[in-house]
Amino acid sequence: MNMFDTDGRYSRHLKLDEIGQKGQQRIADGRVLIVGAGGLGSPVALYLAAAGVGTIGIADGDTVDISNLQRQVIHTTDDIGSPKVASAARKMRRINPDVNVVEINEYLDTDRLAGIAADYDIVVDATDSFRSKYMINDACVKAGKPFVHGGVLRFEGNVFTHLPGSADYRDIFGSEPSENHVPTASEVGVLGTIVGVIGTIQATEVIKYLVKTGDLLTDSLLTFDALTWTTYKIKIKKQQ
Protein backbone atom coordinates (compact mmCIF):
# COMPACT_ATOMS: atom_id res chain seq x y z
CA MET A 1 0.00 0.00 0.00
CA ASN A 2 1.24 3.49 -0.84
CA MET A 3 1.97 5.28 2.45
CA PHE A 4 0.95 8.65 0.94
CA ASP A 5 -2.47 7.45 -0.25
CA THR A 6 -4.22 7.60 3.11
CA ASP A 7 -6.03 10.91 2.55
CA GLY A 8 -5.21 11.83 -1.04
CA ARG A 9 -3.27 14.97 -0.12
CA TYR A 10 -0.37 14.19 -2.47
CA SER A 11 -2.31 12.23 -5.09
CA ARG A 12 -1.38 14.59 -7.93
CA HIS A 13 2.32 14.28 -7.10
CA LEU A 14 2.07 10.51 -6.91
CA LYS A 15 0.66 10.39 -10.45
CA LEU A 16 3.79 12.07 -11.81
CA ASP A 17 6.40 9.55 -12.95
CA GLU A 18 9.11 12.06 -12.02
CA ILE A 19 7.91 12.18 -8.40
CA GLY A 20 5.77 9.22 -7.38
CA GLN A 21 6.21 7.44 -4.06
CA LYS A 22 9.99 7.74 -3.98
CA GLY A 23 9.99 11.44 -4.83
CA GLN A 24 7.26 12.27 -2.34
CA GLN A 25 9.26 10.49 0.34
CA ARG A 26 12.27 12.64 -0.55
CA ILE A 27 10.09 15.73 -0.21
CA ALA A 28 8.84 14.50 3.17
CA ASP A 29 12.42 13.91 4.30
CA GLY A 30 13.52 17.34 3.02
CA ARG A 31 14.67 20.21 5.20
CA VAL A 32 14.44 23.69 3.65
CA LEU A 33 15.42 27.05 5.15
CA ILE A 34 13.61 30.12 3.80
CA VAL A 35 15.30 33.44 4.59
CA GLY A 36 12.64 36.11 4.30
CA ALA A 37 8.92 35.89 5.03
CA GLY A 38 7.79 38.67 2.71
CA GLY A 39 6.88 38.85 -0.97
CA LEU A 40 9.08 36.04 -2.26
CA GLY A 41 8.89 34.04 0.94
CA SER A 42 5.09 33.96 0.81
CA PRO A 43 4.64 31.71 -2.25
CA VAL A 44 7.75 29.71 -1.39
CA ALA A 45 6.48 28.93 2.10
CA LEU A 46 2.91 28.20 0.99
CA TYR A 47 3.87 25.88 -1.86
CA LEU A 48 6.58 24.00 0.04
CA ALA A 49 4.19 23.41 2.93
CA ALA A 50 1.50 22.25 0.52
CA ALA A 51 4.01 19.96 -1.20
CA GLY A 52 4.75 18.24 2.10
CA VAL A 53 8.36 19.30 2.76
CA GLY A 54 9.04 17.69 6.12
CA THR A 55 10.82 20.55 7.88
CA ILE A 56 10.69 24.18 6.81
CA GLY A 57 12.62 26.83 8.69
CA ILE A 58 11.53 30.42 8.07
CA ALA A 59 13.69 33.33 9.22
CA ASP A 60 12.75 37.01 9.37
CA GLY A 61 12.96 39.64 12.09
CA ASP A 62 10.29 41.96 10.70
CA THR A 63 6.63 42.50 11.60
CA VAL A 64 3.67 42.68 9.23
CA ASP A 65 2.88 46.20 7.96
CA ILE A 66 -0.13 47.26 5.92
CA SER A 67 2.17 48.17 3.01
CA ASN A 68 3.22 44.50 2.81
CA LEU A 69 -0.25 43.20 1.99
CA GLN A 70 -0.20 44.23 -1.69
CA ARG A 71 2.25 41.40 -2.45
CA GLN A 72 3.00 39.34 0.70
CA VAL A 73 0.02 37.04 0.32
CA ILE A 74 0.81 34.79 3.26
CA HIS A 75 -0.16 37.68 5.58
CA THR A 76 -3.61 39.24 6.10
CA THR A 77 -4.96 42.47 7.55
CA ASP A 78 -5.49 40.71 10.89
CA ASP A 79 -1.75 39.94 11.03
CA ILE A 80 -0.63 43.59 11.02
CA GLY A 81 1.83 44.11 13.87
CA SER A 82 2.56 40.38 14.26
CA PRO A 83 6.01 38.89 13.62
CA LYS A 84 6.15 37.78 10.02
CA VAL A 85 7.47 34.33 10.87
CA ALA A 86 4.60 33.70 13.29
CA SER A 87 2.05 34.88 10.74
CA ALA A 88 3.60 32.76 7.99
CA ALA A 89 3.90 29.69 10.21
CA ARG A 90 0.20 29.83 11.10
CA LYS A 91 -0.80 29.69 7.43
CA MET A 92 1.70 26.94 6.63
CA ARG A 93 0.40 24.75 9.46
CA ARG A 94 -3.18 25.33 8.35
CA ILE A 95 -2.30 24.19 4.83
CA ASN A 96 -0.44 21.12 6.05
CA PRO A 97 -0.38 20.22 9.76
CA ASP A 98 2.10 17.42 9.07
CA VAL A 99 4.86 19.89 8.18
CA ASN A 100 7.32 20.87 10.92
CA VAL A 101 7.66 24.66 10.73
CA VAL A 102 10.61 26.17 12.59
CA GLU A 103 10.14 29.86 13.39
CA ILE A 104 13.33 31.95 13.46
CA ASN A 105 12.20 35.44 14.48
CA GLU A 106 15.43 37.33 13.82
CA TYR A 107 17.54 38.97 11.17
CA LEU A 108 20.44 36.65 10.39
CA ASP A 109 24.06 37.58 9.97
CA THR A 110 26.67 35.45 8.18
CA ASP A 111 27.74 33.39 11.18
CA ARG A 112 24.22 32.83 12.44
CA LEU A 113 23.00 31.80 9.00
CA ALA A 114 25.89 29.40 8.53
CA GLY A 115 25.12 27.76 11.87
CA ILE A 116 21.40 27.39 11.16
CA ALA A 117 21.81 26.34 7.52
CA ALA A 118 23.96 23.39 8.54
CA ASP A 119 20.75 21.63 9.63
CA TYR A 120 19.03 22.10 6.26
CA ASP A 121 19.40 20.59 2.78
CA ILE A 122 18.94 23.81 0.83
CA VAL A 123 18.41 27.54 1.50
CA VAL A 124 15.97 29.88 -0.26
CA ASP A 125 17.01 33.53 -0.59
CA ALA A 126 13.66 35.34 -0.32
CA THR A 127 15.14 38.62 0.90
CA ASP A 128 14.76 42.05 -0.68
CA SER A 129 18.10 43.79 -0.12
CA PHE A 130 21.49 43.45 -1.78
CA ARG A 131 23.17 43.34 1.61
CA SER A 132 21.14 40.29 2.62
CA LYS A 133 21.65 38.57 -0.73
CA TYR A 134 25.42 38.90 -0.62
CA MET A 135 25.38 37.69 2.98
CA ILE A 136 23.34 34.60 2.08
CA ASN A 137 25.51 33.92 -0.95
CA ASP A 138 28.78 34.17 0.94
CA ALA A 139 27.58 32.07 3.89
CA CYS A 140 26.20 29.32 1.66
CA VAL A 141 29.21 29.25 -0.68
CA LYS A 142 31.59 29.03 2.27
CA ALA A 143 29.56 26.24 3.86
CA GLY A 144 29.04 24.37 0.57
CA LYS A 145 25.27 24.74 0.94
CA PRO A 146 22.92 24.90 -2.09
CA PHE A 147 20.62 27.89 -2.34
CA VAL A 148 17.96 29.31 -4.66
CA HIS A 149 18.11 33.05 -5.36
CA GLY A 150 15.15 35.20 -6.29
CA GLY A 151 15.12 38.92 -6.99
CA VAL A 152 12.38 41.37 -8.05
CA LEU A 153 12.04 45.07 -8.84
CA ARG A 154 9.29 46.99 -10.62
CA PHE A 155 7.96 44.59 -13.31
CA GLU A 156 11.01 42.31 -13.50
CA GLY A 157 12.41 39.32 -11.65
CA ASN A 158 15.19 36.76 -11.85
CA VAL A 159 16.05 33.36 -10.41
CA PHE A 160 19.06 31.05 -10.27
CA THR A 161 20.10 28.02 -8.24
CA HIS A 162 23.56 27.57 -6.79
CA LEU A 163 25.04 24.15 -6.10
CA PRO A 164 28.57 23.74 -4.71
CA GLY A 165 30.98 24.53 -7.53
CA SER A 166 28.44 26.29 -9.78
CA ALA A 167 28.12 30.02 -10.45
CA ASP A 168 27.06 32.07 -7.45
CA TYR A 169 25.67 35.55 -6.85
CA ARG A 170 29.06 37.26 -7.15
CA ASP A 171 29.78 35.48 -10.44
CA ILE A 172 26.54 36.85 -11.86
CA PHE A 173 26.23 40.30 -10.31
CA GLY A 174 29.81 41.15 -9.35
CA SER A 175 30.93 42.81 -6.14
CA GLU A 176 28.46 44.28 -3.66
CA PRO A 177 27.32 47.78 -4.74
CA SER A 178 26.89 50.75 -2.48
CA GLU A 179 23.35 50.80 -1.09
CA ASN A 180 23.04 54.45 -2.14
CA HIS A 181 23.46 53.39 -5.80
CA VAL A 182 20.81 50.68 -5.83
CA PRO A 183 17.07 51.47 -6.04
CA THR A 184 14.74 49.54 -3.76
CA ALA A 185 11.13 48.44 -4.17
CA SER A 186 10.10 51.00 -1.55
CA GLU A 187 11.60 53.73 -3.76
CA VAL A 188 10.61 52.63 -7.28
CA GLY A 189 7.84 50.11 -6.61
CA VAL A 190 7.15 46.47 -7.48
CA LEU A 191 4.18 44.81 -9.15
CA GLY A 192 2.61 42.57 -6.54
CA THR A 193 2.19 39.56 -8.81
CA ILE A 194 5.87 39.51 -9.82
CA VAL A 195 6.92 38.19 -6.42
CA GLY A 196 4.36 35.43 -6.87
CA VAL A 197 5.82 34.44 -10.24
CA ILE A 198 9.43 34.44 -9.04
CA GLY A 199 8.69 32.88 -5.65
CA THR A 200 6.76 30.06 -7.29
CA ILE A 201 9.73 29.35 -9.57
CA GLN A 202 11.98 29.25 -6.50
CA ALA A 203 9.67 26.74 -4.82
CA THR A 204 9.69 24.64 -8.00
CA GLU A 205 13.49 24.60 -8.00
CA VAL A 206 13.51 23.40 -4.38
CA ILE A 207 11.07 20.57 -5.08
CA LYS A 208 13.06 19.48 -8.15
CA TYR A 209 16.24 19.55 -6.08
CA LEU A 210 14.73 17.40 -3.33
CA VAL A 211 13.17 14.95 -5.78
CA LYS A 212 16.31 14.90 -7.95
CA THR A 213 14.48 15.44 -11.23
CA GLY A 214 14.73 17.82 -14.18
CA ASP A 215 17.22 20.56 -14.94
CA LEU A 216 17.98 23.14 -12.28
CA LEU A 217 18.87 26.77 -12.97
CA THR A 218 22.55 26.22 -12.22
CA ASP A 219 25.10 28.29 -14.15
CA SER A 220 22.06 30.09 -15.57
CA LEU A 221 20.01 33.18 -14.75
CA LEU A 222 16.32 33.10 -15.63
CA THR A 223 14.94 36.62 -16.13
CA PHE A 224 11.31 37.64 -16.54
CA ASP A 225 9.77 40.95 -17.65
CA ALA A 226 6.00 41.18 -17.12
CA LEU A 227 5.62 44.33 -19.25
CA THR A 228 6.87 42.63 -22.42
CA TRP A 229 6.33 38.95 -21.51
CA THR A 230 10.00 38.44 -22.24
CA THR A 231 11.87 35.58 -20.60
CA TYR A 232 15.56 34.87 -21.02
CA LYS A 233 17.74 32.06 -19.73
CA ILE A 234 21.28 33.40 -19.66
CA LYS A 235 24.22 31.03 -19.27
CA ILE A 236 26.73 32.10 -16.61
CA LYS A 237 30.31 30.96 -16.24
CA LYS A 238 31.84 30.33 -12.83
CA GLN A 239 34.55 32.91 -12.19
CA GLN A 240 37.90 31.46 -11.18
C-alpha atoms as a PDB file:
ATOM      1  CA  MET A   1       0.000   0.000   0.000  1.00  0.00           C
ATOM      2  CA  ASN A   2       1.244   3.490  -0.835  1.00  0.00           C
ATOM      3  CA  MET A   3       1.967   5.285   2.447  1.00  0.00           C
ATOM      4  CA  PHE A   4       0.948   8.645   0.944  1.00  0.00           C
ATOM      5  CA  ASP A   5      -2.469   7.446  -0.249  1.00  0.00           C
ATOM      6  CA  THR A   6      -4.218   7.603   3.114  1.00  0.00           C
ATOM      7  CA  ASP A   7      -6.032  10.913   2.550  1.00  0.00           C
ATOM      8  CA  GLY A   8      -5.206  11.829  -1.044  1.00  0.00           C
ATOM      9  CA  ARG A   9      -3.267  14.972  -0.124  1.00  0.00           C
ATOM     10  CA  TYR A  10      -0.374  14.195  -2.468  1.00  0.00           C
ATOM     11  CA  SER A  11      -2.314  12.228  -5.088  1.00  0.00           C
ATOM     12  CA  ARG A  12      -1.375  14.589  -7.926  1.00  0.00           C
ATOM     13  CA  HIS A  13       2.318  14.280  -7.101  1.00  0.00           C
ATOM     14  CA  LEU A  14       2.066  10.513  -6.914  1.00  0.00           C
ATOM     15  CA  LYS A  15       0.660  10.394 -10.451  1.00  0.00           C
ATOM     16  CA  LEU A  16       3.794  12.067 -11.809  1.00  0.00           C
ATOM     17  CA  ASP A  17       6.396   9.550 -12.952  1.00  0.00           C
ATOM     18  CA  GLU A  18       9.114  12.058 -12.021  1.00  0.00           C
ATOM     19  CA  ILE A  19       7.910  12.177  -8.402  1.00  0.00           C
ATOM     20  CA  GLY A  20       5.774   9.217  -7.381  1.00  0.00           C
ATOM     21  CA  GLN A  21       6.207   7.442  -4.062  1.00  0.00           C
ATOM     22  CA  LYS A  22       9.992   7.737  -3.983  1.00  0.00           C
ATOM     23  CA  GLY A  23       9.994  11.440  -4.828  1.00  0.00           C
ATOM     24  CA  GLN A  24       7.264  12.273  -2.341  1.00  0.00           C
ATOM     25  CA  GLN A  25       9.261  10.492   0.340  1.00  0.00           C
ATOM     26  CA  ARG A  26      12.268  12.639  -0.545  1.00  0.00           C
ATOM     27  CA  ILE A  27      10.089  15.732  -0.207  1.00  0.00           C
ATOM     28  CA  ALA A  28       8.836  14.505   3.173  1.00  0.00           C
ATOM     29  CA  ASP A  29      12.424  13.912   4.296  1.00  0.00           C
ATOM     30  CA  GLY A  30      13.517  17.336   3.017  1.00  0.00           C
ATOM     31  CA  ARG A  31      14.670  20.214   5.199  1.00  0.00           C
ATOM     32  CA  VAL A  32      14.436  23.688   3.654  1.00  0.00           C
ATOM     33  CA  LEU A  33      15.423  27.051   5.154  1.00  0.00           C
ATOM     34  CA  ILE A  34      13.611  30.119   3.795  1.00  0.00           C
ATOM     35  CA  VAL A  35      15.303  33.437   4.594  1.00  0.00           C
ATOM     36  CA  GLY A  36      12.640  36.113   4.303  1.00  0.00           C
ATOM     37  CA  ALA A  37       8.916  35.886   5.033  1.00  0.00           C
ATOM     38  CA  GLY A  38       7.788  38.668   2.714  1.00  0.00           C
ATOM     39  CA  GLY A  39       6.885  38.853  -0.968  1.00  0.00           C
ATOM     40  CA  LEU A  40       9.080  36.037  -2.265  1.00  0.00           C
ATOM     41  CA  GLY A  41       8.894  34.040   0.941  1.00  0.00           C
ATOM     42  CA  SER A  42       5.091  33.962   0.814  1.00  0.00           C
ATOM     43  CA  PRO A  43       4.636  31.708  -2.253  1.00  0.00           C
ATOM     44  CA  VAL A  44       7.754  29.708  -1.387  1.00  0.00           C
ATOM     45  CA  ALA A  45       6.480  28.925   2.099  1.00  0.00           C
ATOM     46  CA  LEU A  46       2.910  28.196   0.994  1.00  0.00           C
ATOM     47  CA  TYR A  47       3.870  25.880  -1.861  1.00  0.00           C
ATOM     48  CA  LEU A  48       6.578  24.002   0.035  1.00  0.00           C
ATOM     49  CA  ALA A  49       4.194  23.408   2.931  1.00  0.00           C
ATOM     50  CA  ALA A  50       1.496  22.247   0.524  1.00  0.00           C
ATOM     51  CA  ALA A  51       4.012  19.957  -1.199  1.00  0.00           C
ATOM     52  CA  GLY A  52       4.755  18.236   2.104  1.00  0.00           C
ATOM     53  CA  VAL A  53       8.359  19.298   2.755  1.00  0.00           C
ATOM     54  CA  GLY A  54       9.041  17.685   6.117  1.00  0.00           C
ATOM     55  CA  THR A  55      10.819  20.552   7.880  1.00  0.00           C
ATOM     56  CA  ILE A  56      10.690  24.184   6.809  1.00  0.00           C
ATOM     57  CA  GLY A  57      12.622  26.834   8.694  1.00  0.00           C
ATOM     58  CA  ILE A  58      11.533  30.419   8.069  1.00  0.00           C
ATOM     59  CA  ALA A  59      13.691  33.331   9.218  1.00  0.00           C
ATOM     60  CA  ASP A  60      12.749  37.011   9.365  1.00  0.00           C
ATOM     61  CA  GLY A  61      12.963  39.642  12.090  1.00  0.00           C
ATOM     62  CA  ASP A  62      10.290  41.962  10.696  1.00  0.00           C
ATOM     63  CA  THR A  63       6.628  42.500  11.604  1.00  0.00           C
ATOM     64  CA  VAL A  64       3.668  42.684   9.230  1.00  0.00           C
ATOM     65  CA  ASP A  65       2.881  46.198   7.963  1.00  0.00           C
ATOM     66  CA  ILE A  66      -0.134  47.263   5.918  1.00  0.00           C
ATOM     67  CA  SER A  67       2.171  48.169   3.011  1.00  0.00           C
ATOM     68  CA  ASN A  68       3.219  44.496   2.809  1.00  0.00           C
ATOM     69  CA  LEU A  69      -0.250  43.203   1.992  1.00  0.00           C
ATOM     70  CA  GLN A  70      -0.204  44.230  -1.688  1.00  0.00           C
ATOM     71  CA  ARG A  71       2.250  41.397  -2.454  1.00  0.00           C
ATOM     72  CA  GLN A  72       3.004  39.341   0.698  1.00  0.00           C
ATOM     73  CA  VAL A  73       0.023  37.038   0.315  1.00  0.00           C
ATOM     74  CA  ILE A  74       0.815  34.791   3.264  1.00  0.00           C
ATOM     75  CA  HIS A  75      -0.162  37.679   5.575  1.00  0.00           C
ATOM     76  CA  THR A  76      -3.613  39.238   6.098  1.00  0.00           C
ATOM     77  CA  THR A  77      -4.957  42.467   7.548  1.00  0.00           C
ATOM     78  CA  ASP A  78      -5.491  40.708  10.891  1.00  0.00           C
ATOM     79  CA  ASP A  79      -1.750  39.939  11.031  1.00  0.00           C
ATOM     80  CA  ILE A  80      -0.633  43.589  11.022  1.00  0.00           C
ATOM     81  CA  GLY A  81       1.828  44.107  13.871  1.00  0.00           C
ATOM     82  CA  SER A  82       2.561  40.382  14.260  1.00  0.00           C
ATOM     83  CA  PRO A  83       6.015  38.895  13.621  1.00  0.00           C
ATOM     84  CA  LYS A  84       6.146  37.782  10.015  1.00  0.00           C
ATOM     85  CA  VAL A  85       7.475  34.334  10.875  1.00  0.00           C
ATOM     86  CA  ALA A  86       4.598  33.696  13.294  1.00  0.00           C
ATOM     87  CA  SER A  87       2.053  34.884  10.740  1.00  0.00           C
ATOM     88  CA  ALA A  88       3.602  32.760   7.993  1.00  0.00           C
ATOM     89  CA  ALA A  89       3.904  29.685  10.209  1.00  0.00           C
ATOM     90  CA  ARG A  90       0.205  29.829  11.097  1.00  0.00           C
ATOM     91  CA  LYS A  91      -0.802  29.687   7.425  1.00  0.00           C
ATOM     92  CA  MET A  92       1.698  26.937   6.629  1.00  0.00           C
ATOM     93  CA  ARG A  93       0.396  24.753   9.456  1.00  0.00           C
ATOM     94  CA  ARG A  94      -3.184  25.330   8.347  1.00  0.00           C
ATOM     95  CA  ILE A  95      -2.302  24.195   4.834  1.00  0.00           C
ATOM     96  CA  ASN A  96      -0.435  21.118   6.054  1.00  0.00           C
ATOM     97  CA  PRO A  97      -0.384  20.221   9.765  1.00  0.00           C
ATOM     98  CA  ASP A  98       2.099  17.421   9.068  1.00  0.00           C
ATOM     99  CA  VAL A  99       4.863  19.889   8.180  1.00  0.00           C
ATOM    100  CA  ASN A 100       7.321  20.869  10.922  1.00  0.00           C
ATOM    101  CA  VAL A 101       7.662  24.658  10.726  1.00  0.00           C
ATOM    102  CA  VAL A 102      10.611  26.171  12.588  1.00  0.00           C
ATOM    103  CA  GLU A 103      10.137  29.858  13.386  1.00  0.00           C
ATOM    104  CA  ILE A 104      13.326  31.954  13.457  1.00  0.00           C
ATOM    105  CA  ASN A 105      12.203  35.442  14.477  1.00  0.00           C
ATOM    106  CA  GLU A 106      15.427  37.332  13.823  1.00  0.00           C
ATOM    107  CA  TYR A 107      17.543  38.971  11.165  1.00  0.00           C
ATOM    108  CA  LEU A 108      20.439  36.645  10.393  1.00  0.00           C
ATOM    109  CA  ASP A 109      24.064  37.583   9.969  1.00  0.00           C
ATOM    110  CA  THR A 110      26.665  35.452   8.175  1.00  0.00           C
ATOM    111  CA  ASP A 111      27.741  33.389  11.178  1.00  0.00           C
ATOM    112  CA  ARG A 112      24.217  32.833  12.445  1.00  0.00           C
ATOM    113  CA  LEU A 113      23.000  31.801   8.997  1.00  0.00           C
ATOM    114  CA  ALA A 114      25.892  29.397   8.527  1.00  0.00           C
ATOM    115  CA  GLY A 115      25.122  27.761  11.866  1.00  0.00           C
ATOM    116  CA  ILE A 116      21.403  27.393  11.164  1.00  0.00           C
ATOM    117  CA  ALA A 117      21.812  26.345   7.522  1.00  0.00           C
ATOM    118  CA  ALA A 118      23.964  23.393   8.540  1.00  0.00           C
ATOM    119  CA  ASP A 119      20.750  21.633   9.632  1.00  0.00           C
ATOM    120  CA  TYR A 120      19.027  22.099   6.255  1.00  0.00           C
ATOM    121  CA  ASP A 121      19.396  20.590   2.778  1.00  0.00           C
ATOM    122  CA  ILE A 122      18.937  23.810   0.835  1.00  0.00           C
ATOM    123  CA  VAL A 123      18.415  27.535   1.501  1.00  0.00           C
ATOM    124  CA  VAL A 124      15.973  29.876  -0.265  1.00  0.00           C
ATOM    125  CA  ASP A 125      17.006  33.527  -0.586  1.00  0.00           C
ATOM    126  CA  ALA A 126      13.656  35.336  -0.323  1.00  0.00           C
ATOM    127  CA  THR A 127      15.137  38.619   0.897  1.00  0.00           C
ATOM    128  CA  ASP A 128      14.762  42.052  -0.676  1.00  0.00           C
ATOM    129  CA  SER A 129      18.098  43.793  -0.117  1.00  0.00           C
ATOM    130  CA  PHE A 130      21.486  43.451  -1.779  1.00  0.00           C
ATOM    131  CA  ARG A 131      23.175  43.339   1.606  1.00  0.00           C
ATOM    132  CA  SER A 132      21.142  40.289   2.618  1.00  0.00           C
ATOM    133  CA  LYS A 133      21.650  38.575  -0.734  1.00  0.00           C
ATOM    134  CA  TYR A 134      25.421  38.896  -0.619  1.00  0.00           C
ATOM    135  CA  MET A 135      25.381  37.689   2.985  1.00  0.00           C
ATOM    136  CA  ILE A 136      23.338  34.603   2.076  1.00  0.00           C
ATOM    137  CA  ASN A 137      25.510  33.924  -0.953  1.00  0.00           C
ATOM    138  CA  ASP A 138      28.779  34.175   0.939  1.00  0.00           C
ATOM    139  CA  ALA A 139      27.577  32.074   3.888  1.00  0.00           C
ATOM    140  CA  CYS A 140      26.203  29.318   1.657  1.00  0.00           C
ATOM    141  CA  VAL A 141      29.209  29.248  -0.681  1.00  0.00           C
ATOM    142  CA  LYS A 142      31.590  29.034   2.271  1.00  0.00           C
ATOM    143  CA  ALA A 143      29.556  26.237   3.856  1.00  0.00           C
ATOM    144  CA  GLY A 144      29.039  24.367   0.572  1.00  0.00           C
ATOM    145  CA  LYS A 145      25.273  24.740   0.939  1.00  0.00           C
ATOM    146  CA  PRO A 146      22.923  24.899  -2.088  1.00  0.00           C
ATOM    147  CA  PHE A 147      20.619  27.892  -2.343  1.00  0.00           C
ATOM    148  CA  VAL A 148      17.960  29.307  -4.661  1.00  0.00           C
ATOM    149  CA  HIS A 149      18.112  33.046  -5.358  1.00  0.00           C
ATOM    150  CA  GLY A 150      15.149  35.200  -6.291  1.00  0.00           C
ATOM    151  CA  GLY A 151      15.117  38.917  -6.988  1.00  0.00           C
ATOM    152  CA  VAL A 152      12.376  41.373  -8.050  1.00  0.00           C
ATOM    153  CA  LEU A 153      12.037  45.074  -8.835  1.00  0.00           C
ATOM    154  CA  ARG A 154       9.293  46.990 -10.625  1.00  0.00           C
ATOM    155  CA  PHE A 155       7.961  44.588 -13.309  1.00  0.00           C
ATOM    156  CA  GLU A 156      11.012  42.306 -13.496  1.00  0.00           C
ATOM    157  CA  GLY A 157      12.406  39.321 -11.654  1.00  0.00           C
ATOM    158  CA  ASN A 158      15.194  36.763 -11.845  1.00  0.00           C
ATOM    159  CA  VAL A 159      16.054  33.357 -10.412  1.00  0.00           C
ATOM    160  CA  PHE A 160      19.057  31.046 -10.266  1.00  0.00           C
ATOM    161  CA  THR A 161      20.099  28.025  -8.240  1.00  0.00           C
ATOM    162  CA  HIS A 162      23.562  27.566  -6.788  1.00  0.00           C
ATOM    163  CA  LEU A 163      25.036  24.148  -6.104  1.00  0.00           C
ATOM    164  CA  PRO A 164      28.565  23.740  -4.710  1.00  0.00           C
ATOM    165  CA  GLY A 165      30.984  24.525  -7.535  1.00  0.00           C
ATOM    166  CA  SER A 166      28.444  26.292  -9.781  1.00  0.00           C
ATOM    167  CA  ALA A 167      28.125  30.022 -10.454  1.00  0.00           C
ATOM    168  CA  ASP A 168      27.059  32.073  -7.446  1.00  0.00           C
ATOM    169  CA  TYR A 169      25.668  35.548  -6.848  1.00  0.00           C
ATOM    170  CA  ARG A 170      29.058  37.263  -7.146  1.00  0.00           C
ATOM    171  CA  ASP A 171      29.782  35.484 -10.441  1.00  0.00           C
ATOM    172  CA  ILE A 172      26.538  36.851 -11.860  1.00  0.00           C
ATOM    173  CA  PHE A 173      26.227  40.303 -10.310  1.00  0.00           C
ATOM    174  CA  GLY A 174      29.812  41.152  -9.348  1.00  0.00           C
ATOM    175  CA  SER A 175      30.929  42.806  -6.135  1.00  0.00           C
ATOM    176  CA  GLU A 176      28.459  44.277  -3.664  1.00  0.00           C
ATOM    177  CA  PRO A 177      27.320  47.777  -4.735  1.00  0.00           C
ATOM    178  CA  SER A 178      26.893  50.752  -2.479  1.00  0.00           C
ATOM    179  CA  GLU A 179      23.350  50.798  -1.088  1.00  0.00           C
ATOM    180  CA  ASN A 180      23.041  54.446  -2.144  1.00  0.00           C
ATOM    181  CA  HIS A 181      23.464  53.388  -5.797  1.00  0.00           C
ATOM    182  CA  VAL A 182      20.808  50.680  -5.835  1.00  0.00           C
ATOM    183  CA  PRO A 183      17.073  51.470  -6.042  1.00  0.00           C
ATOM    184  CA  THR A 184      14.741  49.539  -3.762  1.00  0.00           C
ATOM    185  CA  ALA A 185      11.131  48.444  -4.171  1.00  0.00           C
ATOM    186  CA  SER A 186      10.099  50.996  -1.551  1.00  0.00           C
ATOM    187  CA  GLU A 187      11.600  53.726  -3.761  1.00  0.00           C
ATOM    188  CA  VAL A 188      10.610  52.627  -7.278  1.00  0.00           C
ATOM    189  CA  GLY A 189       7.837  50.106  -6.615  1.00  0.00           C
ATOM    190  CA  VAL A 190       7.153  46.475  -7.480  1.00  0.00           C
ATOM    191  CA  LEU A 191       4.181  44.805  -9.153  1.00  0.00           C
ATOM    192  CA  GLY A 192       2.611  42.568  -6.535  1.00  0.00           C
ATOM    193  CA  THR A 193       2.189  39.563  -8.806  1.00  0.00           C
ATOM    194  CA  ILE A 194       5.867  39.506  -9.825  1.00  0.00           C
ATOM    195  CA  VAL A 195       6.922  38.189  -6.418  1.00  0.00           C
ATOM    196  CA  GLY A 196       4.357  35.427  -6.873  1.00  0.00           C
ATOM    197  CA  VAL A 197       5.820  34.437 -10.236  1.00  0.00           C
ATOM    198  CA  ILE A 198       9.426  34.442  -9.044  1.00  0.00           C
ATOM    199  CA  GLY A 199       8.690  32.877  -5.649  1.00  0.00           C
ATOM    200  CA  THR A 200       6.764  30.056  -7.292  1.00  0.00           C
ATOM    201  CA  ILE A 201       9.725  29.350  -9.572  1.00  0.00           C
ATOM    202  CA  GLN A 202      11.979  29.254  -6.505  1.00  0.00           C
ATOM    203  CA  ALA A 203       9.671  26.744  -4.822  1.00  0.00           C
ATOM    204  CA  THR A 204       9.693  24.641  -7.998  1.00  0.00           C
ATOM    205  CA  GLU A 205      13.489  24.597  -8.001  1.00  0.00           C
ATOM    206  CA  VAL A 206      13.510  23.405  -4.381  1.00  0.00           C
ATOM    207  CA  ILE A 207      11.075  20.575  -5.084  1.00  0.00           C
ATOM    208  CA  LYS A 208      13.061  19.483  -8.147  1.00  0.00           C
ATOM    209  CA  TYR A 209      16.242  19.547  -6.081  1.00  0.00           C
ATOM    210  CA  LEU A 210      14.726  17.401  -3.328  1.00  0.00           C
ATOM    211  CA  VAL A 211      13.165  14.950  -5.776  1.00  0.00           C
ATOM    212  CA  LYS A 212      16.309  14.904  -7.949  1.00  0.00           C
ATOM    213  CA  THR A 213      14.484  15.441 -11.228  1.00  0.00           C
ATOM    214  CA  GLY A 214      14.727  17.818 -14.176  1.00  0.00           C
ATOM    215  CA  ASP A 215      17.220  20.559 -14.942  1.00  0.00           C
ATOM    216  CA  LEU A 216      17.982  23.138 -12.280  1.00  0.00           C
ATOM    217  CA  LEU A 217      18.871  26.771 -12.971  1.00  0.00           C
ATOM    218  CA  THR A 218      22.553  26.217 -12.223  1.00  0.00           C
ATOM    219  CA  ASP A 219      25.101  28.290 -14.148  1.00  0.00           C
ATOM    220  CA  SER A 220      22.061  30.089 -15.569  1.00  0.00           C
ATOM    221  CA  LEU A 221      20.008  33.177 -14.749  1.00  0.00           C
ATOM    222  CA  LEU A 222      16.316  33.101 -15.631  1.00  0.00           C
ATOM    223  CA  THR A 223      14.938  36.620 -16.133  1.00  0.00           C
ATOM    224  CA  PHE A 224      11.310  37.636 -16.541  1.00  0.00           C
ATOM    225  CA  ASP A 225       9.769  40.948 -17.654  1.00  0.00           C
ATOM    226  CA  ALA A 226       6.004  41.179 -17.120  1.00  0.00           C
ATOM    227  CA  LEU A 227       5.623  44.331 -19.253  1.00  0.00           C
ATOM    228  CA  THR A 228       6.873  42.631 -22.417  1.00  0.00           C
ATOM    229  CA  TRP A 229       6.325  38.952 -21.506  1.00  0.00           C
ATOM    230  CA  THR A 230      10.001  38.440 -22.236  1.00  0.00           C
ATOM    231  CA  THR A 231      11.868  35.579 -20.601  1.00  0.00           C
ATOM    232  CA  TYR A 232      15.561  34.866 -21.021  1.00  0.00           C
ATOM    233  CA  LYS A 233      17.739  32.059 -19.729  1.00  0.00           C
ATOM    234  CA  ILE A 234      21.276  33.402 -19.656  1.00  0.00           C
ATOM    235  CA  LYS A 235      24.221  31.035 -19.273  1.00  0.00           C
ATOM    236  CA  ILE A 236      26.730  32.098 -16.611  1.00  0.00           C
ATOM    237  CA  LYS A 237      30.315  30.961 -16.236  1.00  0.00           C
ATOM    238  CA  LYS A 238      31.836  30.328 -12.829  1.00  0.00           C
ATOM    239  CA  GLN A 239      34.552  32.913 -12.190  1.00  0.00           C
ATOM    240  CA  GLN A 240      37.900  31.455 -11.178  1.00  0.00           C
END
